[in-house]
Amino acid sequence: MSSCLFCASFFSASMWTGGTLGTGLSYDDFFYAVLLGNLILGVYTAFLGYIGAKTCLSTHLLARYLFGTKGSYLPSLLLGGTQVGWFGVGVAMFALPVQKPYLVKQVLSLI
């Protein structure tokens, strides 16, 4: 499981951010920033996983239970928008370097 999670963390946007952060901080500050960020993310996702396991509900159903039918549209829209952005940036960060050596004409660029 840990090897699967380790390989999934090699995403070009996070590598770019880590490289930028790493050049601006000392080694100790960079280490503490990464440690703190991972700790915050780990606590947050563990909390969400615990709630989901105890209630046997998905994120969408939990939002509907908490905010009502109309109120659950906002969390669903935010989750959907972040997923579209995540995959859109990931595809663009893969396609742009691949485009250059193959001399493919760039038709549309939003980044």
Foldseek 3Di string as FASTA:
>chain_A
DVVVVVVVVPFPVVVVVLVVVPVVDDPVVSVVVVVVVVVVVVVVVVVVVVVCVVVVDDPLVVQCVVQNDVRSVVVVVVVVVVVVVVVVVRVVVVPVVVCVVVVDDDDDDPD
